[in-house]
C-alpha atoms as a PDB file:
ATOM      1  CA  MET A   1      25.862  -6.416  -2.128  1.00  0.00           C
ATOM      2  CA  SER A   2      26.056  -8.577  -5.233  1.00  0.00           C
ATOM      3  CA  ALA A   3      23.689  -8.134  -8.173  1.00  0.00           C
ATOM      4  CA  ARG A   4      21.982 -11.380  -7.198  1.00  0.00           C
ATOM      5  CA  GLY A   5      21.561 -10.108  -3.637  1.00  0.00           C
ATOM      6  CA  GLN A   6      20.085  -6.839  -4.895  1.00  0.00           C
ATOM      7  CA  ILE A   7      17.576  -8.679  -7.086  1.00  0.00           C
ATOM      8  CA  ARG A   8      16.592 -10.923  -4.187  1.00  0.00           C
ATOM      9  CA  ALA A   9      16.188  -7.930  -1.841  1.00  0.00           C
ATOM     10  CA  ARG A  10      14.013  -6.084  -4.368  1.00  0.00           C
ATOM     11  CA  TYR A  11      11.872  -9.179  -4.926  1.00  0.00           C
ATOM     12  CA  GLU A  12      11.404  -9.662  -1.186  1.00  0.00           C
ATOM     13  CA  TYR A  13      10.465  -5.997  -0.756  1.00  0.00           C
ATOM     14  CA  HIS A  14       8.042  -6.236  -3.689  1.00  0.00           C
ATOM     15  CA  GLU A  15       6.356  -9.248  -2.083  1.00  0.00           C
ATOM     16  CA  TRP A  16       6.178  -7.512   1.303  1.00  0.00           C
ATOM     17  CA  ALA A  17       4.780  -4.277  -0.176  1.00  0.00           C
ATOM     18  CA  ASN A  18       2.116  -6.093  -2.206  1.00  0.00           C
ATOM     19  CA  GLY A  19       1.080  -8.148   0.808  1.00  0.00           C
ATOM     20  CA  HIS A  20       0.918  -5.054   2.999  1.00  0.00           C
ATOM     21  CA  GLY A  21      -1.212  -3.220   0.419  1.00  0.00           C
ATOM     22  CA  LEU A  22      -3.608  -6.144   0.053  1.00  0.00           C
ATOM     23  CA  ASP A  23      -3.897  -6.569   3.828  1.00  0.00           C
ATOM     24  CA  THR A  24      -4.735  -2.884   4.166  1.00  0.00           C
ATOM     25  CA  ALA A  25      -7.210  -2.992   1.264  1.00  0.00           C
ATOM     26  CA  SER A  26      -8.989  -5.986   2.797  1.00  0.00           C
ATOM     27  CA  LYS A  27     -10.098  -3.700   5.625  1.00  0.00           C
ATOM     28  CA  LEU A  28     -11.854  -1.273   3.254  1.00  0.00           C
ATOM     29  CA  SER A  29     -15.579  -1.355   2.616  1.00  0.00           C
ATOM     30  CA  GLU A  30     -16.979  -1.940  -0.877  1.00  0.00           C
ATOM     31  CA  GLU A  31     -17.791   1.769  -1.028  1.00  0.00           C
ATOM     32  CA  GLU A  32     -14.208   2.702  -0.179  1.00  0.00           C
ATOM     33  CA  LEU A  33     -12.852   0.279  -2.798  1.00  0.00           C
ATOM     34  CA  ALA A  34     -15.117   1.811  -5.448  1.00  0.00           C
ATOM     35  CA  ARG A  35     -14.337   5.418  -4.504  1.00  0.00           C
ATOM     36  CA  GLU A  36     -12.188   7.321  -6.952  1.00  0.00           C
ATOM     37  CA  VAL A  37      -8.864   8.461  -5.576  1.00  0.00           C
ATOM     38  CA  VAL A  38      -6.414  11.015  -6.865  1.00  0.00           C
ATOM     39  CA  ARG A  39      -3.369   9.483  -8.482  1.00  0.00           C
ATOM     40  CA  SER A  40      -0.179  11.102  -9.598  1.00  0.00           C
ATOM     41  CA  GLY A  41      -1.000  12.730 -12.892  1.00  0.00           C
ATOM     42  CA  PRO A  42      -4.382  13.657 -14.311  1.00  0.00           C
ATOM     43  CA  GLY A  43      -7.574  11.810 -13.493  1.00  0.00           C
ATOM     44  CA  PHE A  44      -9.018   9.610 -10.829  1.00  0.00           C
ATOM     45  CA  THR A  45      -8.985   5.839 -10.434  1.00  0.00           C
ATOM     46  CA  PRO A  46     -11.057   3.645  -8.114  1.00  0.00           C
ATOM     47  CA  THR A  47      -8.935   1.961  -5.438  1.00  0.00           C
ATOM     48  CA  LEU A  48      -9.975  -1.494  -6.631  1.00  0.00           C
ATOM     49  CA  ASP A  49      -8.776  -0.730 -10.175  1.00  0.00           C
ATOM     50  CA  ARG A  50      -5.375   0.215  -8.777  1.00  0.00           C
ATOM     51  CA  LEU A  51      -5.184  -3.126  -6.938  1.00  0.00           C
ATOM     52  CA  LYS A  52      -6.128  -5.320  -9.918  1.00  0.00           C
ATOM     53  CA  PRO A  53      -2.553  -5.769 -11.229  1.00  0.00           C
ATOM     54  CA  VAL A  54      -1.394  -6.877  -7.772  1.00  0.00           C
ATOM     55  CA  LEU A  55      -4.350  -9.259  -7.435  1.00  0.00           C
ATOM     56  CA  ARG A  56      -3.717 -10.727 -10.897  1.00  0.00           C
ATOM     57  CA  GLU A  57      -0.064 -11.312 -10.037  1.00  0.00           C
ATOM     58  CA  ARG A  58      -0.957 -13.005  -6.757  1.00  0.00           C
ATOM     59  CA  LEU A  59      -3.504 -15.276  -8.452  1.00  0.00           C
ATOM     60  CA  ALA A  60      -1.061 -16.179 -11.222  1.00  0.00           C
ATOM     61  CA  THR A  61       1.742 -17.090  -8.817  1.00  0.00           C
ATOM     62  CA  GLY A  62      -0.465 -18.878  -6.320  1.00  0.00           C
END
């Protein structure tokens, strides 16, 4: 696969993965979104905080 093809495939996967994550998150209650979850490394982060970068990207790109 060419470099251009690899970039396109990664972009398409990125879009699919973000959409899948947002679709799944849309089924969570407000309590579940606010609940702290274990992440890799020390500390806990609410689910909604982990989704904010994806949401910002989606809003910026339309």
